[in-house]
C-alpha cells in the first residue's frame, strides 16, 4: 500500500492569498486588521481553525494598539 500525505494550511495557499489580494484591489474592498497581543499568540491559530476571524490577524508586541 502506498503512503499518501495530505498537507494544507488553514489560511490557504500562497496562490489563494494572491487571488484574494487581487480581488481586493480590483473591487475596491479594503482589508480589516485585527490586532492581537503577542502574549496571546497561541490563541490566534485557534481562532483561524474555528473560522472565527473575519480579518487579518496581526501580532503586536507589548499589547494591542
PDB file of N, CA and C in Angstrom:
ATOM      1  N   UNK A   1       0.848  -1.175   0.000  1.00  0.00           N
ATOM      2  CA  UNK A   1       0.000   0.000   0.000  1.00  0.00           C
ATOM      3  C   UNK A   1       0.898   1.244   0.000  1.00  0.00           C
ATOM      4  N   UNK A   2       0.603   2.184  -0.862  1.00  0.00           N
ATOM      5  CA  UNK A   2       1.387   3.421  -0.925  1.00  0.00           C
ATOM      6  C   UNK A   2       1.007   4.356   0.216  1.00  0.00           C
ATOM      7  N   UNK A   3       2.015   5.048   0.733  1.00  0.00           N
ATOM      8  CA  UNK A   3       1.754   6.081   1.733  1.00  0.00           C
ATOM      9  C   UNK A   3       1.362   7.362   1.027  1.00  0.00           C
ATOM     10  N   UNK A   4       0.374   8.035   1.547  1.00  0.00           N
ATOM     11  CA  UNK A   4      -0.069   9.308   0.997  1.00  0.00           C
ATOM     12  C   UNK A   4       0.002  10.360   2.092  1.00  0.00           C
ATOM     13  N   UNK A   5       0.400  11.539   1.705  1.00  0.00           N
ATOM     14  CA  UNK A   5       0.493  12.644   2.653  1.00  0.00           C
ATOM     15  C   UNK A   5      -0.388  13.776   2.148  1.00  0.00           C
ATOM     16  N   UNK A   6      -1.241  14.262   3.002  1.00  0.00           N
ATOM     17  CA  UNK A   6      -2.097  15.393   2.676  1.00  0.00           C
ATOM     18  C   UNK A   6      -1.676  16.563   3.541  1.00  0.00           C
ATOM     19  N   UNK A   7      -1.294  17.640   2.928  1.00  0.00           N
ATOM     20  CA  UNK A   7      -0.883  18.816   3.685  1.00  0.00           C
ATOM     21  C   UNK A   7      -1.750  19.992   3.299  1.00  0.00           C
ATOM     22  N   UNK A   8      -1.803  20.964   4.165  1.00  0.00           N
ATOM     23  CA  UNK A   8      -2.584  22.163   3.893  1.00  0.00           C
ATOM     24  C   UNK A   8      -2.343  23.203   4.963  1.00  0.00           C
ATOM     25  N   UNK A   9      -2.979  24.307   4.804  1.00  0.00           N
ATOM     26  CA  UNK A   9      -2.839  25.412   5.729  1.00  0.00           C
ATOM     27  C   UNK A   9      -4.212  26.015   5.942  1.00  0.00           C
ATOM     28  N   UNK A  10      -4.609  26.262   7.194  1.00  0.00           N
ATOM     29  CA  UNK A  10      -5.957  26.810   7.428  1.00  0.00           C
ATOM     30  C   UNK A  10      -6.181  28.176   6.792  1.00  0.00           C
ATOM     31  N   UNK A  11      -5.098  28.866   6.465  1.00  0.00           N
ATOM     32  CA  UNK A  11      -5.260  30.188   5.854  1.00  0.00           C
ATOM     33  C   UNK A  11      -5.228  30.128   4.337  1.00  0.00           C
ATOM     34  N   UNK A  12      -5.013  28.945   3.764  1.00  0.00           N
ATOM     35  CA  UNK A  12      -4.968  28.802   2.314  1.00  0.00           C
ATOM     36  C   UNK A  12      -3.543  28.837   1.804  1.00  0.00           C
ATOM     37  N   UNK A  13      -3.419  28.648   0.503  1.00  0.00           N
ATOM     38  CA  UNK A  13      -2.096  28.630  -0.118  1.00  0.00           C
ATOM     39  C   UNK A  13      -1.650  30.044  -0.471  1.00  0.00           C
ATOM     40  N   UNK A  14      -0.403  30.166  -0.891  1.00  0.00           N
ATOM     41  CA  UNK A  14       0.100  31.472  -1.339  1.00  0.00           C
ATOM     42  C   UNK A  14      -0.717  31.958  -2.533  1.00  0.00           C
ATOM     43  N   UNK A  15      -1.110  31.041  -3.408  1.00  0.00           N
ATOM     44  CA  UNK A  15      -1.932  31.415  -4.565  1.00  0.00           C
ATOM     45  C   UNK A  15      -3.301  31.948  -4.115  1.00  0.00           C
ATOM     46  N   UNK A  16      -3.888  31.313  -3.106  1.00  0.00           N
ATOM     47  CA  UNK A  16      -5.162  31.806  -2.569  1.00  0.00           C
ATOM     48  C   UNK A  16      -5.025  33.233  -2.065  1.00  0.00           C
ATOM     49  N   UNK A  17      -3.927  33.500  -1.366  1.00  0.00           N
ATOM     50  CA  UNK A  17      -3.685  34.842  -0.846  1.00  0.00           C
ATOM     51  C   UNK A  17      -3.529  35.846  -1.983  1.00  0.00           C
ATOM     52  N   UNK A  18      -2.791  35.468  -3.010  1.00  0.00           N
ATOM     53  CA  UNK A  18      -2.615  36.355  -4.167  1.00  0.00           C
ATOM     54  C   UNK A  18      -3.958  36.665  -4.828  1.00  0.00           C
ATOM     55  N   UNK A  19      -4.792  35.642  -5.005  1.00  0.00           N
ATOM     56  CA  UNK A  19      -6.102  35.842  -5.621  1.00  0.00           C
ATOM     57  C   UNK A  19      -6.976  36.752  -4.756  1.00  0.00           C
ATOM     58  N   UNK A  20      -6.909  36.563  -3.450  1.00  0.00           N
ATOM     59  CA  UNK A  20      -7.694  37.390  -2.537  1.00  0.00           C
ATOM     60  C   UNK A  20      -7.248  38.847  -2.603  1.00  0.00           C
ATOM     61  N   UNK A  21      -5.936  39.058  -2.610  1.00  0.00           N
ATOM     62  CA  UNK A  21      -5.421  40.436  -2.670  1.00  0.00           C
ATOM     63  C   UNK A  21      -5.770  41.088  -4.007  1.00  0.00           C
ATOM     64  N   UNK A  22      -5.698  40.325  -5.082  1.00  0.00           N
ATOM     65  CA  UNK A  22      -6.052  40.858  -6.398  1.00  0.00           C
ATOM     66  C   UNK A  22      -7.534  41.255  -6.422  1.00  0.00           C
ATOM     67  N   UNK A  23      -8.390  40.414  -5.850  1.00  0.00           N
ATOM     68  CA  UNK A  23      -9.810  40.737  -5.761  1.00  0.00           C
ATOM     69  C   UNK A  23     -10.031  42.025  -4.975  1.00  0.00           C
ATOM     70  N   UNK A  24      -9.331  42.147  -3.838  1.00  0.00           N
ATOM     71  CA  UNK A  24      -9.482  43.343  -3.009  1.00  0.00           C
ATOM     72  C   UNK A  24      -9.070  44.595  -3.781  1.00  0.00           C
ATOM     73  N   UNK A  25      -8.004  44.497  -4.550  1.00  0.00           N
ATOM     74  CA  UNK A  25      -7.531  45.653  -5.322  1.00  0.00           C
ATOM     75  C   UNK A  25      -8.512  46.028  -6.416  1.00  0.00           C
ATOM     76  N   UNK A  26      -9.026  45.051  -7.136  1.00  0.00           N
ATOM     77  CA  UNK A  26      -9.890  45.351  -8.277  1.00  0.00           C
ATOM     78  C   UNK A  26     -11.314  45.702  -7.874  1.00  0.00           C
ATOM     79  N   UNK A  27     -11.750  45.248  -6.705  1.00  0.00           N
ATOM     80  CA  UNK A  27     -13.130  45.508  -6.281  1.00  0.00           C
ATOM     81  C   UNK A  27     -13.250  46.726  -5.374  1.00  0.00           C
ATOM     82  N   UNK A  28     -12.104  47.256  -4.929  1.00  0.00           N
ATOM     83  CA  UNK A  28     -12.149  48.408  -4.034  1.00  0.00           C
ATOM     84  C   UNK A  28     -12.361  48.037  -2.579  1.00  0.00           C
ATOM     85  N   UNK A  29     -12.370  46.733  -2.282  1.00  0.00           N
ATOM     86  CA  UNK A  29     -12.521  46.291  -0.895  1.00  0.00           C
ATOM     87  C   UNK A  29     -11.233  46.595  -0.129  1.00  0.00           C
ATOM     88  N   UNK A  30     -11.371  46.930   1.127  1.00  0.00           N
ATOM     89  CA  UNK A  30     -10.183  47.163   1.944  1.00  0.00           C
ATOM     90  C   UNK A  30     -10.098  46.078   3.009  1.00  0.00           C
ATOM     91  N   UNK A  31      -8.894  45.849   3.480  1.00  0.00           N
ATOM     92  CA  UNK A  31      -8.712  44.791   4.474  1.00  0.00           C
ATOM     93  C   UNK A  31      -9.059  45.305   5.869  1.00  0.00           C
ATOM     94  N   UNK A  32      -9.453  44.382   6.698  1.00  0.00           N
ATOM     95  CA  UNK A  32      -9.681  44.678   8.106  1.00  0.00           C
ATOM     96  C   UNK A  32      -8.570  43.966   8.873  1.00  0.00           C
ATOM     97  N   UNK A  33      -7.951  44.677   9.799  1.00  0.00           N
ATOM     98  CA  UNK A  33      -6.836  44.110  10.560  1.00  0.00           C
ATOM     99  C   UNK A  33      -7.257  43.974  12.017  1.00  0.00           C
ATOM    100  N   UNK A  34      -7.113  42.773  12.545  1.00  0.00           N
ATOM    101  CA  UNK A  34      -7.360  42.525  13.957  1.00  0.00           C
ATOM    102  C   UNK A  34      -6.024  42.387  14.658  1.00  0.00           C
ATOM    103  N   UNK A  35      -5.793  43.184  15.657  1.00  0.00           N
ATOM    104  CA  UNK A  35      -4.522  43.142  16.386  1.00  0.00           C
ATOM    105  C   UNK A  35      -4.681  42.287  17.637  1.00  0.00           C
ATOM    106  N   UNK A  36      -3.719  41.389  17.843  1.00  0.00           N
ATOM    107  CA  UNK A  36      -3.720  40.500  18.992  1.00  0.00           C
ATOM    108  C   UNK A  36      -2.400  40.662  19.725  1.00  0.00           C
ATOM    109  N   UNK A  37      -2.435  40.844  21.056  1.00  0.00           N
ATOM    110  CA  UNK A  37      -1.180  40.960  21.808  1.00  0.00           C
ATOM    111  C   UNK A  37      -0.323  39.708  21.621  1.00  0.00           C
ATOM    112  N   UNK A  38       0.965  39.901  21.538  1.00  0.00           N
ATOM    113  CA  UNK A  38       1.903  38.795  21.373  1.00  0.00           C
ATOM    114  C   UNK A  38       1.728  37.751  22.476  1.00  0.00           C
ATOM    115  N   UNK A  39       1.369  38.201  23.670  1.00  0.00           N
ATOM    116  CA  UNK A  39       1.174  37.284  24.792  1.00  0.00           C
ATOM    117  C   UNK A  39       0.019  36.307  24.528  1.00  0.00           C
ATOM    118  N   UNK A  40      -0.866  36.640  23.592  1.00  0.00           N
ATOM    119  CA  UNK A  40      -1.998  35.767  23.252  1.00  0.00           C
ATOM    120  C   UNK A  40      -1.802  35.090  21.893  1.00  0.00           C
ATOM    121  N   UNK A  41      -0.548  34.971  21.465  1.00  0.00           N
ATOM    122  CA  UNK A  41      -0.235  34.421  20.136  1.00  0.00           C
ATOM    123  C   UNK A  41      -0.777  33.010  19.949  1.00  0.00           C
ATOM    124  N   UNK A  42      -0.801  32.215  20.990  1.00  0.00           N
ATOM    125  CA  UNK A  42      -1.284  30.838  20.857  1.00  0.00           C
ATOM    126  C   UNK A  42      -2.775  30.775  20.552  1.00  0.00           C
ATOM    127  N   UNK A  43      -3.511  31.803  20.897  1.00  0.00           N
ATOM    128  CA  UNK A  43      -4.955  31.813  20.643  1.00  0.00           C
ATOM    129  C   UNK A  43      -5.275  32.164  19.190  1.00  0.00           C
ATOM    130  N   UNK A  44      -4.379  32.863  18.505  1.00  0.00           N
ATOM    131  CA  UNK A  44      -4.649  33.303  17.134  1.00  0.00           C
ATOM    132  C   UNK A  44      -4.883  32.133  16.172  1.00  0.00           C
ATOM    133  N   UNK A  45      -4.023  31.101  16.147  1.00  0.00           N
ATOM    134  CA  UNK A  45      -4.297  29.979  15.236  1.00  0.00           C
ATOM    135  C   UNK A  45      -5.612  29.266  15.562  1.00  0.00           C
ATOM    136  N   UNK A  46      -5.934  29.173  16.833  1.00  0.00           N
ATOM    137  CA  UNK A  46      -7.190  28.522  17.218  1.00  0.00           C
ATOM    138  C   UNK A  46      -8.377  29.267  16.622  1.00  0.00           C
ATOM    139  N   UNK A  47      -8.325  30.593  16.631  1.00  0.00           N
ATOM    140  CA  UNK A  47      -9.400  31.391  16.037  1.00  0.00           C
ATOM    141  C   UNK A  47      -9.509  31.134  14.540  1.00  0.00           C
ATOM    142  N   UNK A  48      -8.361  30.941  13.875  1.00  0.00           N
ATOM    143  CA  UNK A  48      -8.365  30.652  12.437  1.00  0.00           C
ATOM    144  C   UNK A  48      -8.997  29.285  12.190  1.00  0.00           C
ATOM    145  N   UNK A  49      -8.580  28.272  12.951  1.00  0.00           N
ATOM    146  CA  UNK A  49      -9.093  26.914  12.763  1.00  0.00           C
ATOM    147  C   UNK A  49     -10.599  26.848  13.004  1.00  0.00           C
ATOM    148  N   UNK A  50     -11.101  27.686  13.903  1.00  0.00           N
ATOM    149  CA  UNK A  50     -12.533  27.709  14.188  1.00  0.00           C
ATOM    150  C   UNK A  50     -13.306  28.544  13.169  1.00  0.00           C
ATOM    151  N   UNK A  51     -12.582  29.208  12.262  1.00  0.00           N
ATOM    152  CA  UNK A  51     -13.237  30.024  11.247  1.00  0.00           C
ATOM    153  C   UNK A  51     -13.801  31.322  11.791  1.00  0.00           C
ATOM    154  N   UNK A  52     -13.283  31.783  12.922  1.00  0.00           N
ATOM    155  CA  UNK A  52     -13.822  32.980  13.569  1.00  0.00           C
ATOM    156  C   UNK A  52     -13.294  34.300  13.025  1.00  0.00           C
ATOM    157  N   UNK A  53     -12.028  34.405  12.638  1.00  0.00           N
ATOM    158  CA  UNK A  53     -11.572  35.728  12.224  1.00  0.00           C
ATOM    159  C   UNK A  53     -12.203  36.145  10.900  1.00  0.00           C
ATOM    160  N   UNK A  54     -12.524  37.386  10.797  1.00  0.00           N
ATOM    161  CA  UNK A  54     -13.056  37.952   9.565  1.00  0.00           C
ATOM    162  C   UNK A  54     -12.112  39.027   9.053  1.00  0.00           C
ATOM    163  N   UNK A  55     -10.857  38.917   9.474  1.00  0.00           N
ATOM    164  CA  UNK A  55      -9.848  39.917   9.138  1.00  0.00           C
ATOM    165  C   UNK A  55      -8.487  39.310   9.285  1.00  0.00           C
ATOM    166  N   UNK A  56      -7.481  40.062   8.871  1.00  0.00           N
ATOM    167  CA  UNK A  56      -6.090  39.664   9.029  1.00  0.00           C
ATOM    168  C   UNK A  56      -5.698  39.762  10.489  1.00  0.00           C
ATOM    169  N   UNK A  57      -5.066  38.732  11.034  1.00  0.00           N
ATOM    170  CA  UNK A  57      -4.617  38.771  12.436  1.00  0.00           C
ATOM    171  C   UNK A  57      -3.154  39.176  12.461  1.00  0.00           C
ATOM    172  N   UNK A  58      -2.856  40.237  13.192  1.00  0.00           N
ATOM    173  CA  UNK A  58      -1.502  40.739  13.338  1.00  0.00           C
ATOM    174  C   UNK A  58      -1.128  40.678  14.815  1.00  0.00           C
ATOM    175  N   UNK A  59       0.026  40.055  15.110  1.00  0.00           N
ATOM    176  CA  UNK A  59       0.500  40.005  16.495  1.00  0.00           C
ATOM    177  C   UNK A  59       1.268  41.286  16.806  1.00  0.00           C
ATOM    178  N   UNK A  60       0.939  41.883  17.945  1.00  0.00           N
ATOM    179  CA  UNK A  60       1.528  43.157  18.343  1.00  0.00           C
ATOM    180  C   UNK A  60       2.316  42.968  19.633  1.00  0.00           C
ATOM    181  N   UNK A  61       3.652  43.165  19.588  1.00  0.00           N
ATOM    182  CA  UNK A  61       4.434  43.073  20.819  1.00  0.00           C
ATOM    183  C   UNK A  61       4.013  44.153  21.810  1.00  0.00           C
ATOM    184  N   UNK A  62       3.874  43.774  23.060  1.00  0.00           N
ATOM    185  CA  UNK A  62       3.584  44.755  24.098  1.00  0.00           C
ATOM    186  C   UNK A  62       2.128  45.115  24.246  1.00  0.00           C
ATOM    187  N   UNK A  63       1.247  44.542  23.509  1.00  0.00           N
ATOM    188  CA  UNK A  63      -0.173  44.826  23.672  1.00  0.00           C
ATOM    189  C   UNK A  63      -0.829  45.333  22.408  1.00  0.00           C
ATOM    190  N   UNK A  64      -2.111  45.526  22.472  1.00  0.00           N
ATOM    191  CA  UNK A  64      -2.896  45.981  21.323  1.00  0.00           C
ATOM    192  C   UNK A  64      -2.837  47.483  21.226  1.00  0.00           C
ATOM    193  N   UNK A  65      -2.598  47.977  19.997  1.00  0.00           N
ATOM    194  CA  UNK A  65      -2.529  49.426  19.772  1.00  0.00           C
ATOM    195  C   UNK A  65      -3.515  49.838  18.735  1.00  0.00           C
TER     196      UNK A  65
END
